[in-house]
Amino acid sequence: MNSILRSAAQGSGAAMRHILSGVALCATVIAQAEEIKIYRSYDASGRIPTYSDRPLNRTSQEFARFDGNRLWPRAGTGPVSLPQLTARRSALDPLVLRIAAAHGLQPALLKAIIEVESGFNARALSPKGAVGLMQVMPATAARYGHFDLYSPEQNVDVGARYLRDLLGMFGGDVRLAVAAYNAGENAVIRHGRKVPPYSETIKYVPMVLERYKKFQGHAGS
């Protein structure tokens, strides 16, 4: 696996497609295996990236994860570079801060969910029909009224309303609210108010919480 990932020394679309095809080819071999973290590292010039399944040097940062079936962030057009992700996140900071304040939420939590759900891609659409930045299902949005889910502001607003209600439902327990955001509140209740034992949810919750903790350490989050 490492040889496949490292074969793409250039950060071009063709190189990334080669990585993904190699990962897909190996999926049958690693089925049921532990998820793979994909790291992006740079050479001494800071310009040429290399992809691998482990950190290579001090520049190495997690780029995506492969769970045997899909890459995360799970929605949108696929993985994005770290500079792209940072730029998207920064552009949305004012919107996230405003909506978080309106609904009494921590901006860090909203940003963590958005990053895992869509990689800050406002045009993201999942195979199940979840839409936009917070991957809101139309049926969930309908609880709160009529929204254009491809509008960044409206999508984050309705996602924040839902997250606020989940936090209230589970007594402010962020872990359970995040699990419910992924699997649905009924699944969490059905499993004794615990994280449901679903493969996707078990992976999703720590990924969101990891980013939540990271964003909490940033000013304004």
N, C-alpha and C. Protein backbone atom coordinates (compact mmCIF):
# COMPACT_ATOMS: atom_id res chain seq x y z
N MET A 1 0.84 -1.21 0.00
CA MET A 1 0.00 0.00 0.00
C MET A 1 0.87 1.25 0.00
N ASN A 2 1.92 1.24 0.82
CA ASN A 2 2.76 2.43 0.89
C ASN A 2 3.39 2.74 -0.45
N SER A 3 3.80 1.69 -1.19
CA SER A 3 4.44 1.91 -2.49
C SER A 3 3.46 2.54 -3.47
N ILE A 4 2.18 2.16 -3.40
CA ILE A 4 1.16 2.74 -4.27
C ILE A 4 1.00 4.21 -3.97
N LEU A 5 0.89 4.55 -2.68
CA LEU A 5 0.66 5.93 -2.30
C LEU A 5 1.86 6.81 -2.62
N ARG A 6 3.04 6.30 -2.40
CA ARG A 6 4.24 7.11 -2.60
C ARG A 6 4.59 7.24 -4.07
N SER A 7 3.98 6.45 -4.94
CA SER A 7 4.29 6.52 -6.36
C SER A 7 3.86 7.83 -6.97
N ALA A 8 2.93 8.55 -6.31
CA ALA A 8 2.46 9.84 -6.84
C ALA A 8 3.22 10.96 -6.17
N ALA A 9 4.36 11.31 -6.72
CA ALA A 9 5.18 12.36 -6.11
C ALA A 9 4.66 13.74 -6.42
N GLN A 10 3.91 13.90 -7.49
CA GLN A 10 3.38 15.20 -7.86
C GLN A 10 1.93 15.28 -7.43
N GLY A 11 1.47 16.48 -7.00
CA GLY A 11 0.12 16.65 -6.49
C GLY A 11 -0.89 16.94 -7.58
N SER A 12 -0.80 16.32 -8.74
CA SER A 12 -1.73 16.58 -9.83
C SER A 12 -2.97 15.73 -9.70
N GLY A 13 -4.02 16.08 -10.46
CA GLY A 13 -5.24 15.28 -10.45
C GLY A 13 -4.96 13.88 -10.93
N ALA A 14 -4.10 13.74 -11.97
CA ALA A 14 -3.79 12.41 -12.49
C ALA A 14 -3.10 11.57 -11.43
N ALA A 15 -2.20 12.21 -10.67
CA ALA A 15 -1.50 11.47 -9.61
C ALA A 15 -2.47 11.00 -8.55
N MET A 16 -3.41 11.89 -8.17
CA MET A 16 -4.37 11.51 -7.14
C MET A 16 -5.28 10.40 -7.65
N ARG A 17 -5.65 10.44 -8.93
CA ARG A 17 -6.47 9.36 -9.48
C ARG A 17 -5.72 8.04 -9.45
N HIS A 18 -4.41 8.09 -9.67
CA HIS A 18 -3.60 6.88 -9.60
C HIS A 18 -3.61 6.32 -8.18
N ILE A 19 -3.50 7.22 -7.21
CA ILE A 19 -3.55 6.79 -5.81
C ILE A 19 -4.87 6.08 -5.52
N LEU A 20 -5.98 6.72 -5.92
CA LEU A 20 -7.29 6.18 -5.60
C LEU A 20 -7.52 4.86 -6.29
N SER A 21 -7.04 4.72 -7.55
CA SER A 21 -7.23 3.45 -8.24
C SER A 21 -6.42 2.35 -7.57
N GLY A 22 -5.22 2.74 -7.08
CA GLY A 22 -4.41 1.75 -6.38
C GLY A 22 -5.04 1.35 -5.06
N VAL A 23 -5.60 2.33 -4.35
CA VAL A 23 -6.29 2.03 -3.09
C VAL A 23 -7.47 1.12 -3.34
N ALA A 24 -8.25 1.42 -4.38
CA ALA A 24 -9.41 0.58 -4.70
C ALA A 24 -8.99 -0.84 -5.03
N LEU A 25 -7.87 -0.98 -5.77
CA LEU A 25 -7.38 -2.29 -6.14
C LEU A 25 -7.03 -3.11 -4.91
N CYS A 26 -6.50 -2.42 -3.90
CA CYS A 26 -6.08 -3.13 -2.68
C CYS A 26 -7.23 -3.35 -1.71
N ALA A 27 -8.40 -2.80 -1.98
CA ALA A 27 -9.50 -2.88 -1.03
C ALA A 27 -9.88 -4.31 -0.73
N THR A 28 -9.85 -5.17 -1.75
CA THR A 28 -10.24 -6.56 -1.52
C THR A 28 -9.25 -7.27 -0.61
N VAL A 29 -7.98 -6.80 -0.66
CA VAL A 29 -6.95 -7.43 0.16
C VAL A 29 -7.07 -6.99 1.62
N ILE A 30 -7.45 -5.71 1.81
CA ILE A 30 -7.47 -5.18 3.18
C ILE A 30 -8.88 -5.08 3.74
N ALA A 31 -9.85 -5.74 3.09
CA ALA A 31 -11.22 -5.71 3.60
C ALA A 31 -11.23 -6.14 5.06
N GLN A 32 -12.01 -5.40 5.83
CA GLN A 32 -12.15 -5.64 7.26
C GLN A 32 -10.92 -5.19 8.04
N ALA A 33 -9.90 -4.68 7.35
CA ALA A 33 -8.70 -4.25 8.07
C ALA A 33 -8.93 -2.89 8.71
N GLU A 34 -7.99 -2.49 9.54
CA GLU A 34 -8.07 -1.19 10.19
C GLU A 34 -7.98 -0.09 9.13
N GLU A 35 -8.66 1.03 9.33
CA GLU A 35 -8.65 2.08 8.32
C GLU A 35 -7.24 2.61 8.12
N ILE A 36 -7.00 3.10 6.90
CA ILE A 36 -5.69 3.61 6.52
C ILE A 36 -5.71 5.12 6.52
N LYS A 37 -4.74 5.72 7.18
CA LYS A 37 -4.57 7.16 7.12
C LYS A 37 -3.64 7.47 5.96
N ILE A 38 -4.01 8.45 5.15
CA ILE A 38 -3.19 8.88 4.03
C ILE A 38 -2.56 10.22 4.41
N TYR A 39 -1.23 10.27 4.37
CA TYR A 39 -0.51 11.48 4.75
C TYR A 39 0.06 12.17 3.51
N ARG A 40 0.10 13.48 3.59
CA ARG A 40 0.73 14.28 2.55
C ARG A 40 1.96 14.94 3.15
N SER A 41 3.12 14.71 2.50
CA SER A 41 4.38 15.27 2.97
C SER A 41 5.03 16.06 1.84
N TYR A 42 5.91 17.00 2.20
CA TYR A 42 6.58 17.81 1.20
C TYR A 42 8.09 17.60 1.27
N ASP A 43 8.74 17.81 0.13
CA ASP A 43 10.19 17.69 0.08
C ASP A 43 10.84 18.93 0.69
N ALA A 44 12.16 19.01 0.63
CA ALA A 44 12.88 20.11 1.26
C ALA A 44 12.51 21.47 0.68
N SER A 45 12.10 21.48 -0.58
CA SER A 45 11.71 22.76 -1.21
C SER A 45 10.35 23.24 -0.74
N GLY A 46 9.56 22.33 -0.16
CA GLY A 46 8.21 22.67 0.29
C GLY A 46 7.20 22.73 -0.83
N ARG A 47 7.59 22.27 -2.04
CA ARG A 47 6.71 22.37 -3.20
C ARG A 47 6.22 21.03 -3.72
N ILE A 48 7.01 19.98 -3.59
CA ILE A 48 6.66 18.69 -4.18
C ILE A 48 6.08 17.76 -3.12
N PRO A 49 4.79 17.38 -3.27
CA PRO A 49 4.16 16.51 -2.27
C PRO A 49 4.36 15.02 -2.56
N THR A 50 4.37 14.25 -1.52
CA THR A 50 4.38 12.79 -1.61
C THR A 50 3.27 12.27 -0.72
N TYR A 51 2.56 11.24 -1.18
CA TYR A 51 1.48 10.64 -0.40
C TYR A 51 1.94 9.28 0.12
N SER A 52 1.63 9.02 1.37
CA SER A 52 2.03 7.75 1.98
C SER A 52 1.05 7.36 3.08
N ASP A 53 1.22 6.15 3.60
CA ASP A 53 0.32 5.70 4.67
C ASP A 53 0.94 5.90 6.04
N ARG A 54 2.01 6.73 6.10
CA ARG A 54 2.64 7.05 7.39
C ARG A 54 3.38 8.38 7.24
N PRO A 55 3.60 9.10 8.33
CA PRO A 55 4.34 10.36 8.23
C PRO A 55 5.76 10.10 7.74
N LEU A 56 6.26 10.96 6.87
CA LEU A 56 7.60 10.81 6.32
C LEU A 56 8.59 11.82 6.89
N ASN A 57 8.08 13.00 7.28
CA ASN A 57 8.96 14.02 7.84
C ASN A 57 8.12 15.03 8.62
N ARG A 58 8.71 16.13 9.00
CA ARG A 58 7.99 17.09 9.86
C ARG A 58 6.85 17.79 9.14
N THR A 59 6.85 17.75 7.83
CA THR A 59 5.77 18.41 7.08
C THR A 59 4.53 17.51 6.94
N SER A 60 4.66 16.25 7.31
CA SER A 60 3.57 15.29 7.09
C SER A 60 2.32 15.67 7.87
N GLN A 61 1.20 15.67 7.17
CA GLN A 61 -0.09 15.91 7.80
C GLN A 61 -1.11 14.95 7.20
N GLU A 62 -2.08 14.57 8.04
CA GLU A 62 -3.12 13.66 7.54
C GLU A 62 -3.90 14.36 6.42
N PHE A 63 -4.05 13.66 5.31
CA PHE A 63 -4.70 14.21 4.12
C PHE A 63 -6.11 13.64 3.98
N ALA A 64 -6.27 12.36 4.26
CA ALA A 64 -7.57 11.70 4.16
C ALA A 64 -7.46 10.36 4.86
N ARG A 65 -8.59 9.67 4.94
CA ARG A 65 -8.59 8.31 5.48
C ARG A 65 -9.35 7.39 4.53
N PHE A 66 -8.90 6.15 4.45
CA PHE A 66 -9.57 5.15 3.63
C PHE A 66 -10.00 4.02 4.54
N ASP A 67 -11.31 3.71 4.55
CA ASP A 67 -11.81 2.69 5.47
C ASP A 67 -12.11 1.36 4.78
N GLY A 68 -11.59 1.17 3.57
CA GLY A 68 -11.86 -0.05 2.83
C GLY A 68 -12.96 0.12 1.81
N ASN A 69 -13.74 1.20 1.96
CA ASN A 69 -14.84 1.47 1.04
C ASN A 69 -14.81 2.86 0.47
N ARG A 70 -14.36 3.84 1.28
CA ARG A 70 -14.42 5.22 0.83
C ARG A 70 -13.32 6.04 1.47
N LEU A 71 -13.08 7.19 0.85
CA LEU A 71 -12.16 8.15 1.43
C LEU A 71 -12.95 9.17 2.24
N TRP A 72 -12.35 9.68 3.32
CA TRP A 72 -12.94 10.75 4.11
C TRP A 72 -12.04 11.97 3.98
N PRO A 73 -12.53 13.20 3.90
CA PRO A 73 -13.94 13.57 3.93
C PRO A 73 -14.75 12.81 2.89
N ARG A 74 -15.97 12.42 3.30
CA ARG A 74 -16.72 11.44 2.55
C ARG A 74 -17.59 11.99 1.44
N ALA A 75 -17.82 13.30 1.42
CA ALA A 75 -18.70 13.84 0.40
C ALA A 75 -17.94 14.72 -0.57
N GLY A 76 -18.64 15.18 -1.57
CA GLY A 76 -18.04 16.10 -2.52
C GLY A 76 -17.30 15.39 -3.63
N THR A 77 -16.27 16.02 -4.14
CA THR A 77 -15.58 15.51 -5.32
C THR A 77 -14.32 14.74 -4.96
N GLY A 78 -14.11 14.46 -3.70
CA GLY A 78 -12.92 13.71 -3.30
C GLY A 78 -12.02 14.55 -2.42
N PRO A 79 -10.84 14.01 -2.08
CA PRO A 79 -9.94 14.73 -1.18
C PRO A 79 -9.48 16.05 -1.77
N VAL A 80 -9.19 16.99 -0.91
CA VAL A 80 -8.65 18.28 -1.34
C VAL A 80 -7.30 18.47 -0.66
N SER A 81 -6.49 19.33 -1.23
CA SER A 81 -5.18 19.58 -0.63
C SER A 81 -5.36 20.36 0.66
N LEU A 82 -4.34 20.31 1.51
CA LEU A 82 -4.40 21.05 2.77
C LEU A 82 -4.57 22.55 2.54
N PRO A 83 -3.84 23.16 1.59
CA PRO A 83 -4.07 24.59 1.34
C PRO A 83 -5.50 24.89 0.89
N GLN A 84 -6.08 24.03 0.06
CA GLN A 84 -7.46 24.23 -0.37
C GLN A 84 -8.42 24.14 0.81
N LEU A 85 -8.20 23.12 1.65
CA LEU A 85 -9.07 22.93 2.81
C LEU A 85 -8.97 24.13 3.75
N THR A 86 -7.75 24.60 3.98
CA THR A 86 -7.53 25.75 4.86
C THR A 86 -8.20 27.00 4.30
N ALA A 87 -8.09 27.18 2.99
CA ALA A 87 -8.69 28.35 2.35
C ALA A 87 -10.21 28.31 2.45
N ARG A 88 -10.79 27.14 2.21
CA ARG A 88 -12.25 26.99 2.31
C ARG A 88 -12.71 27.27 3.74
N ARG A 89 -11.99 26.72 4.70
CA ARG A 89 -12.36 26.90 6.11
C ARG A 89 -12.29 28.37 6.50
N SER A 90 -11.21 29.03 6.09
CA SER A 90 -11.04 30.45 6.43
C SER A 90 -12.14 31.30 5.82
N ALA A 91 -12.51 30.98 4.57
CA ALA A 91 -13.56 31.75 3.90
C ALA A 91 -14.90 31.63 4.61
N LEU A 92 -15.12 30.49 5.25
CA LEU A 92 -16.40 30.24 5.93
C LEU A 92 -16.40 30.65 7.39
N ASP A 93 -15.24 31.04 7.91
CA ASP A 93 -15.15 31.39 9.33
C ASP A 93 -16.19 32.43 9.77
N PRO A 94 -16.35 33.55 9.05
CA PRO A 94 -17.33 34.55 9.51
C PRO A 94 -18.75 33.98 9.56
N LEU A 95 -19.11 33.19 8.56
CA LEU A 95 -20.44 32.60 8.53
C LEU A 95 -20.64 31.64 9.71
N VAL A 96 -19.65 30.78 9.94
CA VAL A 96 -19.74 29.81 11.03
C VAL A 96 -19.83 30.51 12.38
N LEU A 97 -19.01 31.54 12.58
CA LEU A 97 -19.03 32.29 13.84
C LEU A 97 -20.40 32.92 14.08
N ARG A 98 -20.97 33.49 13.04
CA ARG A 98 -22.27 34.16 13.15
C ARG A 98 -23.38 33.16 13.47
N ILE A 99 -23.40 32.06 12.77
CA ILE A 99 -24.48 31.08 12.98
C ILE A 99 -24.31 30.36 14.31
N ALA A 100 -23.07 30.06 14.68
CA ALA A 100 -22.83 29.42 15.98
C ALA A 100 -23.33 30.30 17.11
N ALA A 101 -23.06 31.60 17.02
CA ALA A 101 -23.52 32.53 18.06
C ALA A 101 -25.04 32.60 18.09
N ALA A 102 -25.66 32.57 16.93
CA ALA A 102 -27.12 32.66 16.85
C ALA A 102 -27.81 31.47 17.50
N HIS A 103 -27.14 30.32 17.49
CA HIS A 103 -27.77 29.11 18.02
C HIS A 103 -27.11 28.60 19.30
N GLY A 104 -26.20 29.39 19.87
CA GLY A 104 -25.58 29.01 21.13
C GLY A 104 -24.67 27.81 21.03
N LEU A 105 -23.96 27.70 19.90
CA LEU A 105 -23.06 26.56 19.67
C LEU A 105 -21.61 27.03 19.62
N GLN A 106 -20.70 26.11 19.83
CA GLN A 106 -19.28 26.44 19.68
C GLN A 106 -18.91 26.37 18.20
N PRO A 107 -18.31 27.41 17.66
CA PRO A 107 -17.89 27.38 16.25
C PRO A 107 -16.98 26.19 15.95
N ALA A 108 -16.15 25.81 16.92
CA ALA A 108 -15.23 24.69 16.70
C ALA A 108 -15.98 23.40 16.38
N LEU A 109 -17.12 23.21 17.01
CA LEU A 109 -17.89 21.98 16.75
C LEU A 109 -18.53 22.02 15.37
N LEU A 110 -19.07 23.17 15.00
CA LEU A 110 -19.64 23.30 13.66
C LEU A 110 -18.57 23.05 12.60
N LYS A 111 -17.41 23.66 12.78
CA LYS A 111 -16.34 23.50 11.80
C LYS A 111 -15.87 22.05 11.72
N ALA A 112 -15.81 21.37 12.86
CA ALA A 112 -15.38 19.97 12.86
C ALA A 112 -16.33 19.10 12.05
N ILE A 113 -17.62 19.32 12.24
CA ILE A 113 -18.61 18.54 11.51
C ILE A 113 -18.55 18.86 10.01
N ILE A 114 -18.44 20.12 9.68
CA ILE A 114 -18.38 20.51 8.27
C ILE A 114 -17.16 19.89 7.59
N GLU A 115 -16.02 19.90 8.27
CA GLU A 115 -14.81 19.36 7.66
C GLU A 115 -14.93 17.87 7.39
N VAL A 116 -15.46 17.12 8.33
CA VAL A 116 -15.60 15.68 8.13
C VAL A 116 -16.70 15.36 7.13
N GLU A 117 -17.78 16.12 7.20
CA GLU A 117 -18.92 15.84 6.31
C GLU A 117 -18.62 16.17 4.85
N SER A 118 -18.04 17.33 4.59
CA SER A 118 -17.95 17.79 3.21
C SER A 118 -16.59 18.34 2.80
N GLY A 119 -15.65 18.46 3.74
CA GLY A 119 -14.40 19.10 3.38
C GLY A 119 -14.61 20.55 2.98
N PHE A 120 -15.65 21.20 3.57
CA PHE A 120 -16.00 22.60 3.30
C PHE A 120 -16.39 22.81 1.84
N ASN A 121 -17.02 21.82 1.24
CA ASN A 121 -17.49 21.90 -0.14
C ASN A 121 -19.00 22.15 -0.12
N ALA A 122 -19.41 23.37 -0.46
CA ALA A 122 -20.83 23.73 -0.41
C ALA A 122 -21.67 23.01 -1.44
N ARG A 123 -21.03 22.41 -2.47
CA ARG A 123 -21.77 21.70 -3.52
C ARG A 123 -21.77 20.19 -3.30
N ALA A 124 -21.32 19.75 -2.16
CA ALA A 124 -21.24 18.32 -1.89
C ALA A 124 -22.62 17.66 -1.90
N LEU A 125 -22.69 16.49 -2.48
CA LEU A 125 -23.92 15.69 -2.50
C LEU A 125 -23.54 14.24 -2.31
N SER A 126 -24.07 13.62 -1.26
CA SER A 126 -23.73 12.23 -0.97
C SER A 126 -24.64 11.29 -1.76
N PRO A 127 -24.23 10.01 -1.92
CA PRO A 127 -25.08 9.04 -2.61
C PRO A 127 -26.45 8.87 -1.95
N LYS A 128 -26.53 9.17 -0.65
CA LYS A 128 -27.81 9.02 0.06
C LYS A 128 -28.68 10.28 -0.04
N GLY A 129 -28.15 11.33 -0.68
CA GLY A 129 -28.94 12.54 -0.86
C GLY A 129 -28.67 13.64 0.14
N ALA A 130 -27.67 13.47 1.01
CA ALA A 130 -27.31 14.54 1.94
C ALA A 130 -26.63 15.66 1.17
N VAL A 131 -26.93 16.90 1.54
CA VAL A 131 -26.55 18.04 0.71
C VAL A 131 -25.69 19.05 1.45
N GLY A 132 -24.71 19.59 0.74
CA GLY A 132 -24.01 20.79 1.17
C GLY A 132 -22.99 20.62 2.28
N LEU A 133 -22.63 21.75 2.86
CA LEU A 133 -21.54 21.81 3.83
C LEU A 133 -21.72 20.85 5.00
N MET A 134 -22.93 20.82 5.58
CA MET A 134 -23.17 19.96 6.74
C MET A 134 -23.89 18.68 6.36
N GLN A 135 -23.96 18.40 5.05
CA GLN A 135 -24.56 17.17 4.56
C GLN A 135 -25.92 16.92 5.21
N VAL A 136 -26.79 17.89 5.03
CA VAL A 136 -28.12 17.84 5.62
C VAL A 136 -29.05 17.03 4.71
N MET A 137 -29.79 16.11 5.28
CA MET A 137 -30.80 15.39 4.53
C MET A 137 -32.02 16.29 4.35
N PRO A 138 -32.62 16.31 3.16
CA PRO A 138 -33.81 17.14 2.95
C PRO A 138 -34.91 16.90 3.97
N ALA A 139 -35.09 15.65 4.39
CA ALA A 139 -36.14 15.35 5.38
C ALA A 139 -35.82 16.01 6.72
N THR A 140 -34.55 16.08 7.07
CA THR A 140 -34.15 16.75 8.32
C THR A 140 -34.40 18.25 8.21
N ALA A 141 -34.02 18.83 7.08
CA ALA A 141 -34.23 20.26 6.88
C ALA A 141 -35.71 20.62 6.94
N ALA A 142 -36.56 19.72 6.43
CA ALA A 142 -38.00 19.99 6.39
C ALA A 142 -38.60 20.16 7.79
N ARG A 143 -37.92 19.65 8.82
CA ARG A 143 -38.41 19.83 10.19
C ARG A 143 -38.42 21.31 10.58
N TYR A 144 -37.53 22.08 9.96
CA TYR A 144 -37.32 23.46 10.38
C TYR A 144 -37.86 24.48 9.38
N GLY A 145 -38.40 24.00 8.28
CA GLY A 145 -38.93 24.91 7.28
C GLY A 145 -38.35 24.64 5.91
N HIS A 146 -38.38 25.65 5.05
CA HIS A 146 -37.88 25.50 3.69
C HIS A 146 -36.50 26.13 3.58
N PHE A 147 -35.53 25.37 3.09
CA PHE A 147 -34.15 25.85 2.99
C PHE A 147 -33.56 25.47 1.64
N ASP A 148 -32.72 26.34 1.11
CA ASP A 148 -31.90 26.01 -0.05
C ASP A 148 -30.61 25.40 0.50
N LEU A 149 -30.52 24.09 0.43
CA LEU A 149 -29.40 23.41 1.08
C LEU A 149 -28.08 23.60 0.36
N TYR A 150 -28.11 24.15 -0.84
CA TYR A 150 -26.85 24.47 -1.52
C TYR A 150 -26.37 25.89 -1.18
N SER A 151 -27.17 26.62 -0.45
CA SER A 151 -26.73 27.93 0.05
C SER A 151 -25.90 27.69 1.30
N PRO A 152 -24.63 28.12 1.32
CA PRO A 152 -23.80 27.88 2.51
C PRO A 152 -24.46 28.37 3.79
N GLU A 153 -25.02 29.58 3.76
CA GLU A 153 -25.61 30.14 4.97
C GLU A 153 -26.81 29.33 5.43
N GLN A 154 -27.70 28.99 4.51
CA GLN A 154 -28.91 28.24 4.90
C GLN A 154 -28.58 26.82 5.31
N ASN A 155 -27.60 26.21 4.65
CA ASN A 155 -27.22 24.85 5.00
C ASN A 155 -26.64 24.78 6.40
N VAL A 156 -25.70 25.69 6.70
CA VAL A 156 -25.10 25.70 8.04
C VAL A 156 -26.14 26.08 9.09
N ASP A 157 -27.05 26.96 8.73
CA ASP A 157 -28.09 27.36 9.68
C ASP A 157 -28.98 26.18 10.07
N VAL A 158 -29.45 25.43 9.09
CA VAL A 158 -30.33 24.31 9.43
C VAL A 158 -29.54 23.18 10.09
N GLY A 159 -28.29 22.97 9.66
CA GLY A 159 -27.45 21.97 10.33
C GLY A 159 -27.20 22.33 11.78
N ALA A 160 -26.98 23.63 12.04
CA ALA A 160 -26.76 24.10 13.40
C ALA A 160 -28.01 23.95 14.26
N ARG A 161 -29.17 24.20 13.67
CA ARG A 161 -30.43 24.00 14.41
C ARG A 161 -30.57 22.55 14.85
N TYR A 162 -30.27 21.66 13.92
CA TYR A 162 -30.38 20.23 14.21
C TYR A 162 -29.37 19.82 15.28
N LEU A 163 -28.13 20.29 15.15
CA LEU A 163 -27.10 19.97 16.13
C LEU A 163 -27.46 20.51 17.50
N ARG A 164 -27.99 21.74 17.56
CA ARG A 164 -28.44 22.34 18.82
C ARG A 164 -29.50 21.46 19.48
N ASP A 165 -30.44 20.98 18.69
CA ASP A 165 -31.51 20.15 19.24
C ASP A 165 -30.98 18.80 19.71
N LEU A 166 -30.00 18.26 19.00
CA LEU A 166 -29.40 16.99 19.43
C LEU A 166 -28.65 17.16 20.75
N LEU A 167 -27.93 18.27 20.89
CA LEU A 167 -27.23 18.52 22.16
C LEU A 167 -28.24 18.64 23.30
N GLY A 168 -29.36 19.29 23.05
CA GLY A 168 -30.40 19.39 24.08
C GLY A 168 -31.00 18.03 24.40
N MET A 169 -31.20 17.23 23.37
CA MET A 169 -31.80 15.90 23.54
C MET A 169 -30.91 14.99 24.38
N PHE A 170 -29.58 15.14 24.22
CA PHE A 170 -28.64 14.25 24.91
C PHE A 170 -27.87 14.95 26.02
N GLY A 171 -28.53 15.94 26.62
CA GLY A 171 -27.99 16.58 27.82
C GLY A 171 -26.66 17.25 27.64
N GLY A 172 -26.38 17.77 26.44
CA GLY A 172 -25.12 18.46 26.20
C GLY A 172 -23.95 17.53 25.93
N ASP A 173 -24.20 16.24 25.81
CA ASP A 173 -23.14 15.26 25.55
C ASP A 173 -22.73 15.39 24.08
N VAL A 174 -21.58 15.99 23.84
CA VAL A 174 -21.14 16.24 22.47
C VAL A 174 -20.94 14.94 21.71
N ARG A 175 -20.39 13.96 22.38
CA ARG A 175 -20.12 12.67 21.71
C ARG A 175 -21.41 12.04 21.19
N LEU A 176 -22.45 12.04 22.01
CA LEU A 176 -23.72 11.44 21.59
C LEU A 176 -24.40 12.30 20.53
N ALA A 177 -24.29 13.62 20.66
CA ALA A 177 -24.90 14.50 19.66
C ALA A 177 -24.24 14.29 18.30
N VAL A 178 -22.93 14.14 18.29
CA VAL A 178 -22.20 13.91 17.04
C VAL A 178 -22.59 12.55 16.45
N ALA A 179 -22.70 11.54 17.31
CA ALA A 179 -23.14 10.21 16.84
C ALA A 179 -24.53 10.29 16.24
N ALA A 180 -25.41 11.05 16.89
CA ALA A 180 -26.77 11.20 16.39
C ALA A 180 -26.81 11.98 15.09
N TYR A 181 -25.91 12.94 14.93
CA TYR A 181 -25.85 13.69 13.68
C TYR A 181 -25.53 12.76 12.52
N ASN A 182 -24.72 11.76 12.78
CA ASN A 182 -24.36 10.80 11.73
C ASN A 182 -25.39 9.69 11.54
N ALA A 183 -25.83 9.11 12.65
CA ALA A 183 -26.68 7.91 12.57
C ALA A 183 -28.15 8.19 12.81
N GLY A 184 -28.48 9.38 13.32
CA GLY A 184 -29.86 9.70 13.65
C GLY A 184 -30.10 9.53 15.14
N GLU A 185 -30.92 10.41 15.69
CA GLU A 185 -31.16 10.36 17.13
C GLU A 185 -31.83 9.08 17.58
N ASN A 186 -32.69 8.51 16.74
CA ASN A 186 -33.38 7.28 17.13
C ASN A 186 -32.42 6.12 17.28
N ALA A 187 -31.37 6.10 16.47
CA ALA A 187 -30.37 5.02 16.58
C ALA A 187 -29.64 5.11 17.91
N VAL A 188 -29.30 6.34 18.33
CA VAL A 188 -28.61 6.51 19.62
C VAL A 188 -29.52 6.10 20.76
N ILE A 189 -30.78 6.48 20.71
CA ILE A 189 -31.74 6.13 21.76
C ILE A 189 -31.96 4.62 21.79
N ARG A 190 -32.10 4.04 20.60
CA ARG A 190 -32.34 2.60 20.49
C ARG A 190 -31.20 1.78 21.09
N HIS A 191 -29.99 2.31 21.04
CA HIS A 191 -28.83 1.58 21.56
C HIS A 191 -28.46 2.05 22.97
N GLY A 192 -29.48 2.41 23.73
CA GLY A 192 -29.26 2.73 25.14
C GLY A 192 -28.56 4.05 25.37
N ARG A 193 -28.77 5.02 24.44
CA ARG A 193 -28.12 6.32 24.54
C ARG A 193 -26.61 6.18 24.55
N LYS A 194 -26.15 5.34 23.64
CA LYS A 194 -24.72 5.12 23.42
C LYS A 194 -24.45 5.26 21.92
N VAL A 195 -23.17 5.41 21.57
CA VAL A 195 -22.82 5.48 20.15
C VAL A 195 -23.22 4.17 19.48
N PRO A 196 -24.05 4.22 18.44
CA PRO A 196 -24.49 2.99 17.78
C PRO A 196 -23.30 2.22 17.19
N PRO A 197 -23.37 0.89 17.23
CA PRO A 197 -22.23 0.09 16.75
C PRO A 197 -22.21 -0.05 15.23
N TYR A 198 -22.37 1.07 14.54
CA TYR A 198 -22.32 1.07 13.08
C TYR A 198 -20.90 1.42 12.66
N SER A 199 -20.39 0.73 11.67
CA SER A 199 -19.01 0.94 11.23
C SER A 199 -18.74 2.40 10.91
N GLU A 200 -19.62 3.04 10.16
CA GLU A 200 -19.39 4.44 9.77
C GLU A 200 -19.42 5.36 10.99
N THR A 201 -20.36 5.14 11.88
CA THR A 201 -20.50 6.02 13.05
C THR A 201 -19.32 5.86 13.99
N ILE A 202 -18.83 4.65 14.15
CA ILE A 202 -17.69 4.39 15.03
C ILE A 202 -16.45 5.12 14.52
N LYS A 203 -16.32 5.25 13.20
CA LYS A 203 -15.20 6.00 12.62
C LYS A 203 -15.46 7.50 12.66
N TYR A 204 -16.71 7.87 12.42
CA TYR A 204 -17.08 9.28 12.28
C TYR A 204 -16.90 10.06 13.58
N VAL A 205 -17.36 9.51 14.68
CA VAL A 205 -17.36 10.24 15.95
C VAL A 205 -15.95 10.68 16.36
N PRO A 206 -14.95 9.79 16.42
CA PRO A 206 -13.61 10.27 16.82
C PRO A 206 -12.99 11.24 15.82
N MET A 207 -13.34 11.12 14.54
CA MET A 207 -12.81 12.06 13.56
C MET A 207 -13.33 13.47 13.82
N VAL A 208 -14.62 13.58 14.13
CA VAL A 208 -15.19 14.89 14.45
C VAL A 208 -14.61 15.42 15.76
N LEU A 209 -14.55 14.56 16.78
CA LEU A 209 -14.05 15.02 18.08
C LEU A 209 -12.58 15.44 18.01
N GLU A 210 -11.80 14.75 17.19
CA GLU A 210 -10.39 15.11 17.01
C GLU A 210 -10.27 16.53 16.44
N ARG A 211 -11.08 16.82 15.43
CA ARG A 211 -11.05 18.15 14.82
C ARG A 211 -11.64 19.19 15.77
N TYR A 212 -12.66 18.82 16.50
CA TYR A 212 -13.28 19.72 17.48
C TYR A 212 -12.24 20.19 18.49
N LYS A 213 -11.47 19.26 19.00
CA LYS A 213 -10.43 19.60 19.98
C LYS A 213 -9.38 20.51 19.34
N LYS A 214 -9.01 20.21 18.09
CA LYS A 214 -8.01 21.01 17.40
C LYS A 214 -8.51 22.45 17.20
N PHE A 215 -9.76 22.58 16.74
CA PHE A 215 -10.30 23.92 16.47
C PHE A 215 -10.55 24.70 17.76
N GLN A 216 -10.81 23.99 18.86
CA GLN A 216 -11.00 24.68 20.14
C GLN A 216 -9.73 25.43 20.55
N GLY A 217 -8.59 24.92 20.11
CA GLY A 217 -7.32 25.54 20.45
C GLY A 217 -6.99 26.75 19.61
N HIS A 218 -7.83 27.04 18.62
CA HIS A 218 -7.58 28.18 17.74
C HIS A 218 -8.39 29.39 18.22
N ALA A 219 -7.83 30.55 18.10
CA ALA A 219 -8.53 31.78 18.51
C ALA A 219 -9.79 31.93 17.70
N GLY A 220 -10.86 32.32 18.37
CA GLY A 220 -12.13 32.55 17.69
C GLY A 220 -12.98 31.32 17.52
N SER A 221 -12.47 30.15 17.93
CA SER A 221 -13.23 28.93 17.80
C SER A 221 -13.90 28.55 19.10
